[in-house]
Amino acid sequence: MALESATSNGTTDENHPKESDERKKGWLFKKTHYTKRWKMMWFHIRDGQLFYGFNEKSAEKAINLVGAKVELLEGDGTLGWTVTPKHSKRSFILQASSAEEQQAWMTAICEAQLSSEQHSSNACVVQ
């Protein structure tokens, strides 16, 4: 029996991503941990985690989004945000190339947090 999922408008679509499929993917800037320089990296969200690497095939490093604290960076026209995994002192600093892309990533991260089986009770707010 095939599973169908409903889209936001209530219709069903066999091509709509299932829970374990990728929810969002693309290029973002990531501030490096040691040198604090911006590097363009490939990211994708799957199973409540944000995977990243130098390209699609090498995106194996993961940031657990379940219970993570996600905050927009304050400043003049910055399109960045931080992701701090639960029980971690390290924050990952990410940046999109446009306001629309930033909003799309923030929404996808929020949806990944809310749809996880390990979902915490933290509210997910997208501005």
N, C-alpha and C. Protein backbone atom coordinates (compact mmCIF):
# COMPACT_ATOMS: atom_id res chain seq x y z
N MET A 1 0.83 -1.16 0.00
CA MET A 1 0.00 0.00 0.00
C MET A 1 0.89 1.24 0.00
N ALA A 2 0.68 2.15 -0.95
CA ALA A 2 1.49 3.36 -1.07
C ALA A 2 0.98 4.43 -0.13
N LEU A 3 1.91 5.14 0.45
CA LEU A 3 1.56 6.25 1.33
C LEU A 3 1.44 7.52 0.52
N GLU A 4 0.42 8.30 0.76
CA GLU A 4 0.28 9.59 0.13
C GLU A 4 0.30 10.63 1.22
N SER A 5 0.94 11.78 0.93
CA SER A 5 0.95 12.85 1.91
C SER A 5 0.22 14.05 1.33
N ALA A 6 -0.41 14.79 2.20
CA ALA A 6 -1.16 15.96 1.76
C ALA A 6 -0.23 17.17 1.69
N THR A 7 -0.43 17.99 0.65
CA THR A 7 0.32 19.23 0.55
C THR A 7 -0.38 20.29 1.38
N SER A 8 0.18 21.49 1.43
CA SER A 8 -0.39 22.54 2.27
C SER A 8 -1.80 22.93 1.85
N ASN A 9 -2.17 22.70 0.59
CA ASN A 9 -3.52 23.05 0.18
C ASN A 9 -4.49 21.88 0.30
N GLY A 10 -4.04 20.77 0.90
CA GLY A 10 -4.92 19.65 1.16
C GLY A 10 -4.95 18.60 0.07
N THR A 11 -4.32 18.87 -1.07
CA THR A 11 -4.31 17.87 -2.14
C THR A 11 -3.23 16.85 -1.88
N THR A 12 -3.35 15.70 -2.52
CA THR A 12 -2.31 14.68 -2.37
C THR A 12 -1.49 14.64 -3.64
N ASP A 13 -0.26 14.25 -3.50
CA ASP A 13 0.67 14.21 -4.63
C ASP A 13 1.68 13.12 -4.36
N GLU A 14 1.78 12.15 -5.26
CA GLU A 14 2.72 11.05 -5.07
C GLU A 14 4.16 11.54 -5.05
N ASN A 15 4.45 12.68 -5.70
CA ASN A 15 5.80 13.20 -5.76
C ASN A 15 6.15 14.08 -4.57
N HIS A 16 5.20 14.33 -3.69
CA HIS A 16 5.47 15.15 -2.51
C HIS A 16 6.41 14.39 -1.59
N PRO A 17 7.45 15.06 -1.03
CA PRO A 17 8.42 14.33 -0.20
C PRO A 17 7.79 13.63 0.99
N LYS A 18 8.25 12.42 1.24
CA LYS A 18 7.81 11.68 2.42
C LYS A 18 8.67 12.14 3.59
N GLU A 19 8.33 11.72 4.81
CA GLU A 19 9.04 12.18 6.01
C GLU A 19 10.54 11.95 5.94
N SER A 20 10.98 10.82 5.38
CA SER A 20 12.41 10.52 5.38
C SER A 20 13.11 11.13 4.17
N ASP A 21 12.38 11.69 3.23
CA ASP A 21 13.00 12.29 2.05
C ASP A 21 13.54 13.67 2.36
N GLU A 22 14.35 14.18 1.45
CA GLU A 22 14.89 15.52 1.62
C GLU A 22 13.77 16.56 1.56
N ARG A 23 13.84 17.53 2.44
CA ARG A 23 12.84 18.59 2.51
C ARG A 23 13.32 19.85 1.81
N LYS A 24 14.61 20.15 1.86
CA LYS A 24 15.17 21.36 1.27
C LYS A 24 16.63 21.07 0.96
N LYS A 25 17.11 21.61 -0.14
CA LYS A 25 18.52 21.44 -0.47
C LYS A 25 18.98 22.62 -1.30
N GLY A 26 20.28 22.90 -1.21
CA GLY A 26 20.86 23.99 -1.98
C GLY A 26 22.11 24.54 -1.34
N TRP A 27 22.61 25.61 -1.93
CA TRP A 27 23.86 26.23 -1.49
C TRP A 27 23.60 27.32 -0.47
N LEU A 28 24.39 27.33 0.59
CA LEU A 28 24.37 28.37 1.61
C LEU A 28 25.82 28.72 1.96
N PHE A 29 25.99 29.88 2.54
CA PHE A 29 27.30 30.24 3.08
C PHE A 29 27.34 29.79 4.53
N LYS A 30 28.47 29.21 4.93
CA LYS A 30 28.68 28.77 6.30
C LYS A 30 29.97 29.41 6.79
N LYS A 31 29.90 30.03 7.96
CA LYS A 31 31.11 30.62 8.54
C LYS A 31 31.92 29.50 9.16
N THR A 32 33.20 29.41 8.78
CA THR A 32 34.04 28.34 9.27
C THR A 32 34.31 28.50 10.76
N HIS A 33 34.48 27.39 11.43
CA HIS A 33 34.62 27.37 12.89
C HIS A 33 35.91 28.04 13.37
N TYR A 34 37.01 27.77 12.69
CA TYR A 34 38.30 28.27 13.17
C TYR A 34 38.73 29.58 12.52
N THR A 35 38.63 29.69 11.19
CA THR A 35 39.13 30.89 10.51
C THR A 35 38.08 31.99 10.40
N LYS A 36 36.83 31.66 10.69
CA LYS A 36 35.72 32.62 10.66
C LYS A 36 35.51 33.23 9.28
N ARG A 37 35.85 32.49 8.24
CA ARG A 37 35.62 32.94 6.87
C ARG A 37 34.35 32.28 6.34
N TRP A 38 33.71 32.93 5.38
CA TRP A 38 32.51 32.38 4.76
C TRP A 38 32.91 31.42 3.65
N LYS A 39 32.32 30.23 3.66
CA LYS A 39 32.52 29.24 2.60
C LYS A 39 31.17 28.82 2.07
N MET A 40 31.09 28.66 0.76
CA MET A 40 29.85 28.18 0.17
C MET A 40 29.83 26.66 0.31
N MET A 41 28.75 26.15 0.89
CA MET A 41 28.62 24.71 1.14
C MET A 41 27.25 24.24 0.64
N TRP A 42 27.17 22.96 0.32
CA TRP A 42 25.92 22.33 -0.09
C TRP A 42 25.20 21.81 1.16
N PHE A 43 23.92 22.14 1.30
CA PHE A 43 23.14 21.71 2.46
C PHE A 43 21.88 20.98 2.00
N HIS A 44 21.43 20.04 2.81
CA HIS A 44 20.10 19.45 2.61
C HIS A 44 19.56 18.99 3.96
N ILE A 45 18.24 19.07 4.06
CA ILE A 45 17.56 18.66 5.29
C ILE A 45 16.92 17.31 5.07
N ARG A 46 17.18 16.38 6.00
CA ARG A 46 16.58 15.05 5.91
C ARG A 46 16.50 14.46 7.31
N ASP A 47 15.37 13.91 7.64
CA ASP A 47 15.18 13.19 8.90
C ASP A 47 15.57 14.02 10.13
N GLY A 48 15.18 15.28 10.15
CA GLY A 48 15.43 16.14 11.31
C GLY A 48 16.88 16.59 11.45
N GLN A 49 17.66 16.44 10.37
CA GLN A 49 19.06 16.85 10.41
C GLN A 49 19.40 17.71 9.21
N LEU A 50 20.34 18.62 9.41
CA LEU A 50 20.84 19.48 8.34
C LEU A 50 22.22 18.97 7.96
N PHE A 51 22.32 18.35 6.79
CA PHE A 51 23.57 17.78 6.31
C PHE A 51 24.29 18.82 5.45
N TYR A 52 25.64 18.80 5.50
CA TYR A 52 26.38 19.75 4.68
C TYR A 52 27.73 19.17 4.25
N GLY A 53 28.26 19.76 3.18
CA GLY A 53 29.56 19.36 2.65
C GLY A 53 29.93 20.27 1.50
N PHE A 54 31.05 19.98 0.85
CA PHE A 54 31.54 20.82 -0.23
C PHE A 54 30.71 20.70 -1.50
N ASN A 55 29.98 19.59 -1.66
CA ASN A 55 29.09 19.40 -2.80
C ASN A 55 28.03 18.37 -2.41
N GLU A 56 27.14 18.05 -3.35
CA GLU A 56 26.03 17.12 -3.06
C GLU A 56 26.52 15.77 -2.56
N LYS A 57 27.56 15.26 -3.17
CA LYS A 57 28.05 13.92 -2.84
C LYS A 57 28.80 13.87 -1.51
N SER A 58 29.39 14.99 -1.10
CA SER A 58 30.18 14.99 0.14
C SER A 58 29.42 15.53 1.34
N ALA A 59 28.13 15.80 1.19
CA ALA A 59 27.34 16.38 2.29
C ALA A 59 27.01 15.30 3.32
N GLU A 60 27.99 14.99 4.18
CA GLU A 60 27.82 13.92 5.16
C GLU A 60 27.88 14.42 6.61
N LYS A 61 28.38 15.63 6.82
CA LYS A 61 28.40 16.18 8.17
C LYS A 61 26.97 16.60 8.51
N ALA A 62 26.57 16.40 9.77
CA ALA A 62 25.17 16.64 10.13
C ALA A 62 25.05 17.54 11.35
N ILE A 63 24.02 18.37 11.32
CA ILE A 63 23.63 19.20 12.45
C ILE A 63 22.25 18.73 12.86
N ASN A 64 22.11 18.26 14.09
CA ASN A 64 20.81 17.78 14.57
C ASN A 64 19.90 18.99 14.81
N LEU A 65 18.76 19.02 14.12
CA LEU A 65 17.84 20.14 14.25
C LEU A 65 16.82 19.94 15.37
N VAL A 66 16.68 18.72 15.86
CA VAL A 66 15.68 18.42 16.89
C VAL A 66 16.10 19.10 18.19
N GLY A 67 15.28 20.02 18.64
CA GLY A 67 15.56 20.75 19.86
C GLY A 67 16.60 21.84 19.70
N ALA A 68 17.08 22.07 18.47
CA ALA A 68 18.10 23.09 18.23
C ALA A 68 17.51 24.49 18.36
N LYS A 69 18.33 25.42 18.78
CA LYS A 69 17.94 26.83 18.89
C LYS A 69 18.34 27.50 17.58
N VAL A 70 17.37 28.13 16.91
CA VAL A 70 17.61 28.79 15.64
C VAL A 70 17.29 30.27 15.82
N GLU A 71 18.27 31.13 15.53
CA GLU A 71 18.08 32.56 15.72
C GLU A 71 18.58 33.34 14.51
N LEU A 72 17.81 34.34 14.11
CA LEU A 72 18.24 35.23 13.04
C LEU A 72 19.35 36.13 13.56
N LEU A 73 20.31 36.44 12.70
CA LEU A 73 21.37 37.37 13.06
C LEU A 73 20.85 38.80 12.95
N GLU A 74 21.20 39.61 13.91
CA GLU A 74 20.80 41.01 13.91
C GLU A 74 21.82 41.80 13.08
N GLY A 75 21.35 42.85 12.41
CA GLY A 75 22.29 43.69 11.69
C GLY A 75 21.71 44.26 10.42
N ASP A 76 22.51 45.05 9.77
CA ASP A 76 22.09 45.75 8.55
C ASP A 76 21.98 44.78 7.37
N GLY A 77 20.78 44.42 7.04
CA GLY A 77 20.54 43.60 5.86
C GLY A 77 21.19 42.23 5.85
N THR A 78 21.59 41.73 7.00
CA THR A 78 22.20 40.40 7.03
C THR A 78 21.14 39.35 6.73
N LEU A 79 21.52 38.33 6.02
CA LEU A 79 20.61 37.24 5.66
C LEU A 79 21.04 35.96 6.37
N GLY A 80 21.58 36.11 7.56
CA GLY A 80 22.13 34.97 8.28
C GLY A 80 21.33 34.58 9.49
N TRP A 81 21.68 33.39 9.99
CA TRP A 81 21.07 32.86 11.20
C TRP A 81 22.03 31.87 11.84
N THR A 82 21.79 31.55 13.09
CA THR A 82 22.60 30.56 13.80
C THR A 82 21.74 29.35 14.13
N VAL A 83 22.38 28.21 14.17
CA VAL A 83 21.76 26.97 14.60
C VAL A 83 22.64 26.41 15.70
N THR A 84 22.09 26.29 16.90
CA THR A 84 22.82 25.72 18.03
C THR A 84 22.11 24.44 18.44
N PRO A 85 22.70 23.29 18.14
CA PRO A 85 22.07 22.01 18.51
C PRO A 85 21.86 21.91 20.02
N LYS A 86 20.82 21.18 20.39
CA LYS A 86 20.51 20.95 21.80
C LYS A 86 21.72 20.30 22.48
N HIS A 87 22.03 20.74 23.69
CA HIS A 87 23.15 20.22 24.49
C HIS A 87 24.50 20.46 23.83
N SER A 88 24.62 21.53 23.02
CA SER A 88 25.89 21.85 22.37
C SER A 88 26.24 23.31 22.64
N LYS A 89 27.52 23.58 22.77
CA LYS A 89 27.98 24.95 22.94
C LYS A 89 28.31 25.59 21.59
N ARG A 90 28.48 24.78 20.55
CA ARG A 90 28.85 25.28 19.23
C ARG A 90 27.62 25.76 18.47
N SER A 91 27.75 26.93 17.88
CA SER A 91 26.71 27.46 17.01
C SER A 91 27.23 27.47 15.57
N PHE A 92 26.38 27.08 14.65
CA PHE A 92 26.70 27.10 13.23
C PHE A 92 26.10 28.38 12.66
N ILE A 93 26.91 29.17 11.97
CA ILE A 93 26.45 30.43 11.41
C ILE A 93 26.28 30.24 9.91
N LEU A 94 25.05 30.45 9.44
CA LEU A 94 24.71 30.23 8.04
C LEU A 94 24.16 31.51 7.44
N GLN A 95 24.26 31.62 6.10
CA GLN A 95 23.76 32.81 5.43
C GLN A 95 23.24 32.43 4.05
N ALA A 96 22.11 33.00 3.68
CA ALA A 96 21.52 32.78 2.36
C ALA A 96 21.92 33.93 1.44
N SER A 97 21.66 33.74 0.15
CA SER A 97 22.02 34.77 -0.83
C SER A 97 20.90 35.77 -1.09
N SER A 98 19.69 35.47 -0.59
CA SER A 98 18.57 36.40 -0.76
C SER A 98 17.61 36.25 0.42
N ALA A 99 16.77 37.25 0.61
CA ALA A 99 15.78 37.20 1.69
C ALA A 99 14.79 36.07 1.46
N GLU A 100 14.43 35.82 0.21
CA GLU A 100 13.49 34.74 -0.10
C GLU A 100 14.09 33.38 0.24
N GLU A 101 15.37 33.23 -0.09
CA GLU A 101 16.05 31.96 0.20
C GLU A 101 16.20 31.77 1.71
N GLN A 102 16.50 32.84 2.42
CA GLN A 102 16.60 32.77 3.88
C GLN A 102 15.27 32.32 4.47
N GLN A 103 14.19 32.90 4.02
CA GLN A 103 12.85 32.55 4.52
C GLN A 103 12.52 31.09 4.21
N ALA A 104 12.88 30.64 3.01
CA ALA A 104 12.62 29.25 2.62
C ALA A 104 13.39 28.27 3.52
N TRP A 105 14.65 28.59 3.82
CA TRP A 105 15.44 27.72 4.69
C TRP A 105 14.90 27.74 6.12
N MET A 106 14.54 28.91 6.62
CA MET A 106 14.02 29.00 7.98
C MET A 106 12.73 28.19 8.11
N THR A 107 11.88 28.27 7.10
CA THR A 107 10.63 27.50 7.10
C THR A 107 10.92 26.00 7.05
N ALA A 108 11.86 25.59 6.20
CA ALA A 108 12.20 24.17 6.07
C ALA A 108 12.80 23.63 7.37
N ILE A 109 13.64 24.42 8.03
CA ILE A 109 14.23 24.01 9.31
C ILE A 109 13.14 23.84 10.35
N CYS A 110 12.22 24.79 10.39
CA CYS A 110 11.11 24.73 11.35
C CYS A 110 10.25 23.49 11.09
N GLU A 111 9.93 23.24 9.84
CA GLU A 111 9.12 22.06 9.50
C GLU A 111 9.85 20.77 9.87
N ALA A 112 11.16 20.74 9.67
CA ALA A 112 11.94 19.54 10.02
C ALA A 112 11.91 19.32 11.53
N GLN A 113 11.99 20.40 12.29
CA GLN A 113 11.94 20.28 13.75
C GLN A 113 10.56 19.78 14.19
N LEU A 114 9.52 20.32 13.61
CA LEU A 114 8.16 19.96 14.02
C LEU A 114 7.75 18.57 13.58
N SER A 115 8.28 18.10 12.46
CA SER A 115 7.87 16.79 11.94
C SER A 115 8.67 15.63 12.49
N SER A 116 9.71 15.92 13.23
CA SER A 116 10.55 14.86 13.78
C SER A 116 9.80 14.06 14.84
N GLU A 117 10.06 12.78 14.88
CA GLU A 117 9.45 11.92 15.91
C GLU A 117 9.99 12.29 17.29
N GLN A 118 11.16 12.88 17.33
CA GLN A 118 11.78 13.27 18.59
C GLN A 118 11.48 14.74 18.92
N HIS A 119 10.47 15.29 18.29
CA HIS A 119 10.11 16.71 18.42
C HIS A 119 10.01 17.12 19.89
N SER A 120 10.68 18.20 20.20
CA SER A 120 10.59 18.73 21.57
C SER A 120 9.41 19.69 21.65
N SER A 121 9.13 20.18 22.82
CA SER A 121 7.99 21.05 23.00
C SER A 121 8.31 22.51 22.66
N ASN A 122 9.55 22.80 22.19
CA ASN A 122 9.90 24.16 21.85
C ASN A 122 9.06 24.64 20.66
N ALA A 123 8.59 25.87 20.75
CA ALA A 123 7.84 26.45 19.65
C ALA A 123 8.79 26.81 18.53
N CYS A 124 8.31 26.71 17.32
CA CYS A 124 9.11 27.05 16.14
C CYS A 124 8.44 28.24 15.48
N VAL A 125 9.10 29.38 15.48
CA VAL A 125 8.51 30.60 14.94
C VAL A 125 9.31 31.05 13.74
N VAL A 126 8.64 31.24 12.61
CA VAL A 126 9.27 31.74 11.41
C VAL A 126 8.77 33.16 11.19
N GLN A 127 9.69 34.11 11.08
CA GLN A 127 9.31 35.51 10.90
C GLN A 127 9.16 35.86 9.44
